[in-house]
Amino acid sequence: MVIGQTARRLTEETAMDAVFGFTIVNDVSAREVMVREKMQVMLSKSVDTFLPVGPHVVTKDEIPDLYDLEIATYLNGRLRQHSSTGLMTVRVPALLAAITRTVTLHPGDIVTTGTPGGVGFFRDPPEFMQPGDTIVAEVEHVGRLTNRVVRGW
């Protein structure tokens, strides 16, 4: 989600007031960094070229039901993840209330909600993106984010 106003100590009842809209984020992880740098999940997600966002923002009033959206990810045109926002482990208001107990959010900040099942690392055998691959992340009513995988570090 994209934050639209400064938010601190939100409650679940007030959390959605802080949301301007929604976009797509490709939550990429460098598994080799995770292995090498123990306890550094954030470092593995902070590599140059990681966390592509976009291609646009859809305002929250354009989403008919936040918990009835199809989510899909395609690697080189092949479906790799498919789910629904109805299966989210933590709902958006609870997530924002929890985050803002510790962190102040500001307009333009992006809060991510995680990824559906089907991550390549947990496939048998594991499947990893390679330079030259194309990854598409799609969220119903929000759009499609298409990126080419490059070696950026």
N, C-alpha and C. Protein backbone atom coordinates (compact mmCIF):
# COMPACT_ATOMS: atom_id res chain seq x y z
N MET A 1 0.83 -1.18 0.00
CA MET A 1 0.00 0.00 0.00
C MET A 1 0.87 1.24 0.00
N VAL A 2 0.33 2.34 -0.47
CA VAL A 2 1.03 3.62 -0.49
C VAL A 2 0.37 4.50 0.57
N ILE A 3 1.18 5.02 1.46
CA ILE A 3 0.68 5.84 2.56
C ILE A 3 0.39 7.25 2.06
N GLY A 4 -0.71 7.84 2.53
CA GLY A 4 -1.13 9.15 2.06
C GLY A 4 -1.02 10.25 3.09
N GLN A 5 -0.78 9.89 4.35
CA GLN A 5 -0.65 10.92 5.40
C GLN A 5 0.28 10.39 6.49
N THR A 6 0.85 11.29 7.25
CA THR A 6 1.71 10.87 8.34
C THR A 6 0.90 10.01 9.31
N ALA A 7 1.48 8.88 9.69
CA ALA A 7 0.74 7.91 10.51
C ALA A 7 1.62 7.40 11.64
N ARG A 8 1.12 7.56 12.85
CA ARG A 8 1.80 7.08 14.05
C ARG A 8 0.74 6.55 15.00
N ARG A 9 0.99 5.40 15.57
CA ARG A 9 0.08 4.78 16.54
C ARG A 9 -1.35 4.66 16.00
N LEU A 10 -1.46 4.13 14.80
CA LEU A 10 -2.77 3.87 14.23
C LEU A 10 -3.44 2.73 14.99
N THR A 11 -4.74 2.72 14.96
CA THR A 11 -5.51 1.58 15.44
C THR A 11 -6.03 0.85 14.21
N GLU A 12 -6.53 -0.34 14.40
CA GLU A 12 -7.11 -1.06 13.27
C GLU A 12 -8.30 -0.29 12.69
N GLU A 13 -8.99 0.46 13.54
CA GLU A 13 -10.15 1.24 13.08
C GLU A 13 -9.74 2.46 12.26
N THR A 14 -8.57 3.03 12.53
CA THR A 14 -8.15 4.25 11.82
C THR A 14 -7.11 3.98 10.74
N ALA A 15 -6.62 2.78 10.65
CA ALA A 15 -5.49 2.47 9.77
C ALA A 15 -5.75 2.80 8.30
N MET A 16 -6.91 2.46 7.79
CA MET A 16 -7.18 2.69 6.37
C MET A 16 -7.24 4.17 6.02
N ASP A 17 -7.46 5.04 7.01
CA ASP A 17 -7.44 6.48 6.75
C ASP A 17 -6.08 6.94 6.27
N ALA A 18 -5.03 6.24 6.64
CA ALA A 18 -3.66 6.61 6.27
C ALA A 18 -3.27 6.11 4.89
N VAL A 19 -4.08 5.23 4.29
CA VAL A 19 -3.74 4.62 3.00
C VAL A 19 -4.25 5.50 1.87
N PHE A 20 -3.34 5.88 0.97
CA PHE A 20 -3.74 6.61 -0.24
C PHE A 20 -4.21 5.64 -1.31
N GLY A 21 -3.41 4.58 -1.51
CA GLY A 21 -3.76 3.64 -2.55
C GLY A 21 -2.86 2.43 -2.55
N PHE A 22 -2.85 1.75 -3.70
CA PHE A 22 -2.13 0.49 -3.81
C PHE A 22 -1.31 0.44 -5.08
N THR A 23 -0.20 -0.26 -5.01
CA THR A 23 0.66 -0.48 -6.16
C THR A 23 1.17 -1.92 -6.07
N ILE A 24 2.04 -2.28 -7.00
CA ILE A 24 2.60 -3.63 -7.00
C ILE A 24 4.08 -3.52 -6.67
N VAL A 25 4.54 -4.44 -5.84
CA VAL A 25 5.95 -4.52 -5.47
C VAL A 25 6.42 -5.94 -5.75
N ASN A 26 7.54 -6.08 -6.41
CA ASN A 26 8.13 -7.40 -6.61
C ASN A 26 9.15 -7.61 -5.50
N ASP A 27 8.79 -8.43 -4.54
CA ASP A 27 9.58 -8.66 -3.34
C ASP A 27 10.69 -9.67 -3.63
N VAL A 28 11.79 -9.19 -4.19
CA VAL A 28 12.92 -10.04 -4.59
C VAL A 28 13.84 -10.27 -3.40
N SER A 29 14.38 -11.47 -3.30
CA SER A 29 15.34 -11.80 -2.24
C SER A 29 16.58 -12.43 -2.86
N ALA A 30 17.75 -11.99 -2.41
CA ALA A 30 19.02 -12.61 -2.82
C ALA A 30 19.32 -13.72 -1.82
N ARG A 31 18.98 -14.93 -2.20
CA ARG A 31 19.14 -16.05 -1.27
C ARG A 31 20.60 -16.26 -0.87
N GLU A 32 21.54 -16.02 -1.78
CA GLU A 32 22.95 -16.19 -1.42
C GLU A 32 23.39 -15.17 -0.37
N VAL A 33 22.77 -13.98 -0.37
CA VAL A 33 23.07 -12.99 0.68
C VAL A 33 22.48 -13.47 2.00
N MET A 34 21.27 -14.04 1.95
CA MET A 34 20.64 -14.57 3.17
C MET A 34 21.50 -15.63 3.82
N VAL A 35 22.09 -16.49 3.01
CA VAL A 35 22.93 -17.57 3.53
C VAL A 35 24.23 -17.00 4.10
N ARG A 36 24.83 -16.07 3.37
CA ARG A 36 26.13 -15.51 3.77
C ARG A 36 26.02 -14.58 4.97
N GLU A 37 24.97 -13.78 5.03
CA GLU A 37 24.80 -12.77 6.09
C GLU A 37 23.67 -13.22 7.01
N LYS A 38 23.99 -14.07 7.95
CA LYS A 38 22.99 -14.63 8.85
C LYS A 38 22.16 -13.53 9.51
N MET A 39 20.86 -13.77 9.62
CA MET A 39 19.93 -12.85 10.29
C MET A 39 19.80 -11.52 9.56
N GLN A 40 20.05 -11.49 8.26
CA GLN A 40 19.96 -10.24 7.51
C GLN A 40 18.95 -10.35 6.37
N VAL A 41 17.72 -10.62 6.71
CA VAL A 41 16.68 -10.71 5.69
C VAL A 41 16.57 -9.38 4.94
N MET A 42 16.61 -8.27 5.65
CA MET A 42 16.47 -6.96 4.99
C MET A 42 17.62 -6.70 4.02
N LEU A 43 18.84 -7.10 4.37
CA LEU A 43 19.97 -6.91 3.46
C LEU A 43 19.76 -7.69 2.17
N SER A 44 19.20 -8.87 2.27
CA SER A 44 18.98 -9.69 1.08
C SER A 44 17.89 -9.11 0.18
N LYS A 45 17.10 -8.19 0.70
CA LYS A 45 16.05 -7.55 -0.08
C LYS A 45 16.43 -6.12 -0.48
N SER A 46 17.64 -5.71 -0.16
CA SER A 46 18.06 -4.33 -0.39
C SER A 46 19.14 -4.20 -1.44
N VAL A 47 19.36 -5.23 -2.21
CA VAL A 47 20.39 -5.23 -3.25
C VAL A 47 19.98 -4.25 -4.35
N ASP A 48 20.97 -3.59 -4.96
CA ASP A 48 20.69 -2.69 -6.08
C ASP A 48 19.81 -3.41 -7.10
N THR A 49 18.84 -2.74 -7.64
CA THR A 49 17.84 -3.17 -8.63
C THR A 49 16.71 -3.99 -8.01
N PHE A 50 16.76 -4.32 -6.73
CA PHE A 50 15.69 -5.10 -6.10
C PHE A 50 14.53 -4.20 -5.70
N LEU A 51 13.40 -4.82 -5.45
CA LEU A 51 12.15 -4.21 -5.04
C LEU A 51 11.58 -3.23 -6.08
N PRO A 52 11.43 -3.70 -7.32
CA PRO A 52 10.76 -2.84 -8.29
C PRO A 52 9.32 -2.56 -7.85
N VAL A 53 8.84 -1.36 -8.15
CA VAL A 53 7.53 -0.88 -7.71
C VAL A 53 6.80 -0.28 -8.91
N GLY A 54 5.49 -0.47 -8.96
CA GLY A 54 4.70 0.23 -9.97
C GLY A 54 3.82 -0.71 -10.77
N PRO A 55 3.47 -0.35 -11.95
CA PRO A 55 3.91 0.84 -12.68
C PRO A 55 3.12 2.10 -12.34
N HIS A 56 2.07 1.97 -11.52
CA HIS A 56 1.28 3.12 -11.12
C HIS A 56 0.63 2.84 -9.76
N VAL A 57 -0.06 3.85 -9.25
CA VAL A 57 -0.77 3.71 -7.98
C VAL A 57 -2.27 3.78 -8.28
N VAL A 58 -3.03 2.88 -7.70
CA VAL A 58 -4.48 2.87 -7.80
C VAL A 58 -5.01 3.35 -6.46
N THR A 59 -5.87 4.36 -6.46
CA THR A 59 -6.39 4.87 -5.19
C THR A 59 -7.28 3.82 -4.52
N LYS A 60 -7.35 3.90 -3.20
CA LYS A 60 -8.08 2.86 -2.46
C LYS A 60 -9.55 2.79 -2.85
N ASP A 61 -10.14 3.91 -3.29
CA ASP A 61 -11.55 3.87 -3.69
C ASP A 61 -11.76 3.14 -5.02
N GLU A 62 -10.68 2.84 -5.74
CA GLU A 62 -10.78 2.10 -7.00
C GLU A 62 -10.77 0.58 -6.78
N ILE A 63 -10.54 0.15 -5.56
CA ILE A 63 -10.49 -1.28 -5.23
C ILE A 63 -11.84 -1.68 -4.65
N PRO A 64 -12.60 -2.52 -5.36
CA PRO A 64 -13.94 -2.87 -4.86
C PRO A 64 -13.92 -3.66 -3.55
N ASP A 65 -12.98 -4.60 -3.40
CA ASP A 65 -12.88 -5.40 -2.19
C ASP A 65 -11.42 -5.80 -2.02
N LEU A 66 -10.75 -5.20 -1.06
CA LEU A 66 -9.32 -5.43 -0.85
C LEU A 66 -9.01 -6.90 -0.59
N TYR A 67 -9.96 -7.65 -0.09
CA TYR A 67 -9.71 -9.04 0.25
C TYR A 67 -10.36 -10.02 -0.74
N ASP A 68 -10.51 -9.53 -1.98
CA ASP A 68 -11.01 -10.39 -3.05
C ASP A 68 -10.29 -10.05 -4.35
N LEU A 69 -8.96 -10.01 -4.30
CA LEU A 69 -8.15 -9.70 -5.47
C LEU A 69 -7.26 -10.89 -5.80
N GLU A 70 -7.22 -11.25 -7.06
CA GLU A 70 -6.32 -12.31 -7.52
C GLU A 70 -4.90 -11.76 -7.61
N ILE A 71 -3.93 -12.57 -7.21
CA ILE A 71 -2.51 -12.22 -7.28
C ILE A 71 -1.82 -13.33 -8.08
N ALA A 72 -0.95 -12.93 -9.01
CA ALA A 72 -0.22 -13.93 -9.79
C ALA A 72 1.18 -13.43 -10.10
N THR A 73 2.11 -14.36 -10.21
CA THR A 73 3.47 -14.06 -10.64
C THR A 73 3.84 -15.04 -11.74
N TYR A 74 4.45 -14.49 -12.79
CA TYR A 74 4.87 -15.30 -13.93
C TYR A 74 6.37 -15.14 -14.13
N LEU A 75 7.06 -16.24 -14.34
CA LEU A 75 8.49 -16.23 -14.65
C LEU A 75 8.63 -16.73 -16.09
N ASN A 76 9.11 -15.87 -16.96
CA ASN A 76 9.25 -16.19 -18.38
C ASN A 76 7.94 -16.73 -18.96
N GLY A 77 6.84 -16.11 -18.56
CA GLY A 77 5.53 -16.46 -19.09
C GLY A 77 4.85 -17.63 -18.41
N ARG A 78 5.53 -18.30 -17.49
CA ARG A 78 4.96 -19.46 -16.79
C ARG A 78 4.46 -19.05 -15.41
N LEU A 79 3.22 -19.41 -15.11
CA LEU A 79 2.64 -19.09 -13.82
C LEU A 79 3.46 -19.75 -12.71
N ARG A 80 3.89 -18.97 -11.73
CA ARG A 80 4.68 -19.50 -10.62
C ARG A 80 4.02 -19.29 -9.27
N GLN A 81 3.19 -18.26 -9.15
CA GLN A 81 2.45 -18.02 -7.91
C GLN A 81 1.04 -17.60 -8.29
N HIS A 82 0.08 -18.08 -7.54
CA HIS A 82 -1.31 -17.68 -7.75
C HIS A 82 -2.03 -17.77 -6.42
N SER A 83 -2.69 -16.68 -6.04
CA SER A 83 -3.38 -16.66 -4.76
C SER A 83 -4.43 -15.57 -4.78
N SER A 84 -4.97 -15.28 -3.62
CA SER A 84 -5.96 -14.23 -3.44
C SER A 84 -5.62 -13.44 -2.18
N THR A 85 -5.93 -12.15 -2.21
CA THR A 85 -5.71 -11.34 -1.01
C THR A 85 -6.59 -11.81 0.15
N GLY A 86 -7.61 -12.59 -0.15
CA GLY A 86 -8.45 -13.15 0.91
C GLY A 86 -7.70 -14.13 1.80
N LEU A 87 -6.55 -14.60 1.32
CA LEU A 87 -5.74 -15.55 2.10
C LEU A 87 -4.60 -14.88 2.87
N MET A 88 -4.60 -13.55 2.91
CA MET A 88 -3.54 -12.84 3.63
C MET A 88 -3.50 -13.29 5.09
N THR A 89 -2.30 -13.53 5.60
CA THR A 89 -2.13 -13.96 6.98
C THR A 89 -2.50 -12.83 7.94
N VAL A 90 -2.09 -11.60 7.61
CA VAL A 90 -2.38 -10.43 8.43
C VAL A 90 -3.10 -9.41 7.55
N ARG A 91 -4.23 -8.93 7.99
CA ARG A 91 -4.99 -7.94 7.22
C ARG A 91 -4.32 -6.57 7.33
N VAL A 92 -4.57 -5.72 6.34
CA VAL A 92 -3.92 -4.42 6.24
C VAL A 92 -4.09 -3.58 7.50
N PRO A 93 -5.27 -3.39 8.05
CA PRO A 93 -5.38 -2.56 9.26
C PRO A 93 -4.53 -3.07 10.43
N ALA A 94 -4.49 -4.38 10.63
CA ALA A 94 -3.68 -4.94 11.72
C ALA A 94 -2.20 -4.72 11.44
N LEU A 95 -1.79 -4.87 10.19
CA LEU A 95 -0.39 -4.66 9.82
C LEU A 95 0.02 -3.21 10.07
N LEU A 96 -0.80 -2.27 9.62
CA LEU A 96 -0.46 -0.85 9.81
C LEU A 96 -0.47 -0.46 11.29
N ALA A 97 -1.40 -1.00 12.05
CA ALA A 97 -1.43 -0.70 13.49
C ALA A 97 -0.16 -1.22 14.15
N ALA A 98 0.26 -2.42 13.78
CA ALA A 98 1.48 -2.99 14.37
C ALA A 98 2.72 -2.19 13.98
N ILE A 99 2.85 -1.84 12.72
CA ILE A 99 4.03 -1.09 12.25
C ILE A 99 4.11 0.26 12.93
N THR A 100 2.97 0.97 13.00
CA THR A 100 3.02 2.35 13.51
C THR A 100 3.10 2.43 15.03
N ARG A 101 3.12 1.30 15.70
CA ARG A 101 3.43 1.34 17.14
C ARG A 101 4.91 1.69 17.34
N THR A 102 5.73 1.42 16.31
CA THR A 102 7.17 1.63 16.40
C THR A 102 7.70 2.63 15.38
N VAL A 103 7.11 2.64 14.20
CA VAL A 103 7.62 3.44 13.08
C VAL A 103 6.57 4.45 12.65
N THR A 104 7.00 5.70 12.42
CA THR A 104 6.12 6.71 11.84
C THR A 104 6.18 6.57 10.33
N LEU A 105 5.02 6.45 9.71
CA LEU A 105 4.94 6.39 8.26
C LEU A 105 4.63 7.78 7.72
N HIS A 106 5.15 8.06 6.52
CA HIS A 106 4.98 9.38 5.90
C HIS A 106 4.36 9.23 4.52
N PRO A 107 3.74 10.29 4.01
CA PRO A 107 3.15 10.23 2.68
C PRO A 107 4.19 9.75 1.65
N GLY A 108 3.77 8.80 0.85
CA GLY A 108 4.65 8.22 -0.16
C GLY A 108 5.35 6.95 0.28
N ASP A 109 5.38 6.69 1.58
CA ASP A 109 5.96 5.43 2.05
C ASP A 109 5.16 4.26 1.49
N ILE A 110 5.86 3.16 1.26
CA ILE A 110 5.23 1.95 0.75
C ILE A 110 5.36 0.86 1.80
N VAL A 111 4.25 0.21 2.10
CA VAL A 111 4.24 -0.90 3.04
C VAL A 111 3.86 -2.14 2.24
N THR A 112 4.69 -3.17 2.35
CA THR A 112 4.42 -4.40 1.62
C THR A 112 3.78 -5.43 2.55
N THR A 113 3.06 -6.36 1.95
CA THR A 113 2.30 -7.32 2.74
C THR A 113 2.83 -8.74 2.66
N GLY A 114 3.86 -8.97 1.88
CA GLY A 114 4.38 -10.33 1.76
C GLY A 114 4.07 -10.91 0.40
N THR A 115 4.34 -12.18 0.24
CA THR A 115 4.19 -12.84 -1.05
C THR A 115 3.40 -14.13 -0.89
N PRO A 116 2.65 -14.49 -1.91
CA PRO A 116 1.91 -15.76 -1.81
C PRO A 116 2.83 -16.97 -1.92
N GLY A 117 2.31 -18.13 -1.60
CA GLY A 117 3.08 -19.36 -1.74
C GLY A 117 3.54 -19.59 -3.17
N GLY A 118 4.59 -20.38 -3.32
CA GLY A 118 5.11 -20.68 -4.65
C GLY A 118 6.46 -20.07 -4.92
N VAL A 119 7.10 -19.52 -3.89
CA VAL A 119 8.42 -18.91 -4.03
C VAL A 119 9.40 -19.97 -4.55
N GLY A 120 10.23 -19.57 -5.51
CA GLY A 120 11.15 -20.50 -6.17
C GLY A 120 12.08 -21.24 -5.24
N PHE A 121 12.53 -20.58 -4.17
CA PHE A 121 13.46 -21.18 -3.23
C PHE A 121 12.87 -22.44 -2.59
N PHE A 122 11.55 -22.46 -2.42
CA PHE A 122 10.91 -23.58 -1.74
C PHE A 122 10.34 -24.63 -2.71
N ARG A 123 10.60 -24.46 -4.00
CA ARG A 123 10.16 -25.46 -4.97
C ARG A 123 11.11 -26.66 -4.92
N ASP A 124 10.65 -27.79 -5.44
CA ASP A 124 11.47 -28.99 -5.47
C ASP A 124 11.61 -29.46 -6.90
N PRO A 125 12.76 -29.22 -7.54
CA PRO A 125 13.96 -28.56 -7.00
C PRO A 125 13.78 -27.05 -6.95
N PRO A 126 14.62 -26.37 -6.16
CA PRO A 126 14.53 -24.90 -6.08
C PRO A 126 14.71 -24.27 -7.46
N GLU A 127 14.02 -23.16 -7.67
CA GLU A 127 14.07 -22.45 -8.94
C GLU A 127 14.41 -21.00 -8.66
N PHE A 128 15.46 -20.51 -9.32
CA PHE A 128 15.91 -19.14 -9.08
C PHE A 128 15.85 -18.33 -10.36
N MET A 129 15.54 -17.05 -10.21
CA MET A 129 15.57 -16.15 -11.36
C MET A 129 17.01 -15.95 -11.79
N GLN A 130 17.20 -15.79 -13.10
CA GLN A 130 18.53 -15.61 -13.68
C GLN A 130 18.54 -14.35 -14.53
N PRO A 131 19.72 -13.72 -14.69
CA PRO A 131 19.79 -12.57 -15.60
C PRO A 131 19.21 -12.94 -16.96
N GLY A 132 18.38 -12.05 -17.49
CA GLY A 132 17.71 -12.27 -18.76
C GLY A 132 16.28 -12.75 -18.60
N ASP A 133 15.92 -13.30 -17.43
CA ASP A 133 14.55 -13.72 -17.20
C ASP A 133 13.62 -12.51 -17.13
N THR A 134 12.35 -12.75 -17.39
CA THR A 134 11.32 -11.72 -17.23
C THR A 134 10.37 -12.19 -16.15
N ILE A 135 10.12 -11.30 -15.20
CA ILE A 135 9.19 -11.62 -14.09
C ILE A 135 8.04 -10.62 -14.16
N VAL A 136 6.83 -11.12 -14.07
CA VAL A 136 5.63 -10.30 -14.08
C VAL A 136 4.88 -10.55 -12.78
N ALA A 137 4.58 -9.49 -12.06
CA ALA A 137 3.74 -9.57 -10.86
C ALA A 137 2.43 -8.87 -11.21
N GLU A 138 1.33 -9.52 -10.88
CA GLU A 138 0.01 -9.01 -11.28
C GLU A 138 -0.93 -9.03 -10.10
N VAL A 139 -1.67 -7.94 -9.91
CA VAL A 139 -2.70 -7.87 -8.88
C VAL A 139 -3.96 -7.34 -9.55
N GLU A 140 -5.03 -8.08 -9.41
CA GLU A 140 -6.31 -7.69 -10.01
C GLU A 140 -6.69 -6.28 -9.57
N HIS A 141 -7.16 -5.48 -10.49
CA HIS A 141 -7.58 -4.08 -10.29
C HIS A 141 -6.42 -3.12 -10.03
N VAL A 142 -5.20 -3.64 -9.92
CA VAL A 142 -4.03 -2.77 -9.71
C VAL A 142 -3.16 -2.76 -10.96
N GLY A 143 -2.94 -3.89 -11.59
CA GLY A 143 -2.19 -3.93 -12.83
C GLY A 143 -1.12 -5.00 -12.85
N ARG A 144 -0.16 -4.78 -13.76
CA ARG A 144 0.95 -5.72 -13.97
C ARG A 144 2.27 -4.96 -13.91
N LEU A 145 3.21 -5.51 -13.19
CA LEU A 145 4.57 -4.97 -13.10
C LEU A 145 5.49 -5.97 -13.78
N THR A 146 6.14 -5.54 -14.85
CA THR A 146 7.03 -6.42 -15.61
C THR A 146 8.46 -5.93 -15.48
N ASN A 147 9.37 -6.84 -15.14
CA ASN A 147 10.78 -6.49 -14.99
C ASN A 147 11.65 -7.56 -15.60
N ARG A 148 12.76 -7.13 -16.14
CA ARG A 148 13.79 -8.04 -16.65
C ARG A 148 14.82 -8.20 -15.55
N VAL A 149 15.24 -9.40 -15.31
CA VAL A 149 16.23 -9.69 -14.26
C VAL A 149 17.61 -9.32 -14.80
N VAL A 150 18.35 -8.53 -14.03
CA VAL A 150 19.72 -8.16 -14.36
C VAL A 150 20.60 -8.44 -13.17
N ARG A 151 21.87 -8.58 -13.42
CA ARG A 151 22.83 -8.71 -12.31
C ARG A 151 23.25 -7.31 -11.93
N GLY A 152 22.83 -6.84 -10.75
CA GLY A 152 23.06 -5.46 -10.38
C GLY A 152 24.03 -5.27 -9.24
N TRP A 153 24.69 -6.34 -8.80
CA TRP A 153 25.59 -6.18 -7.65
C TRP A 153 26.77 -7.06 -7.78
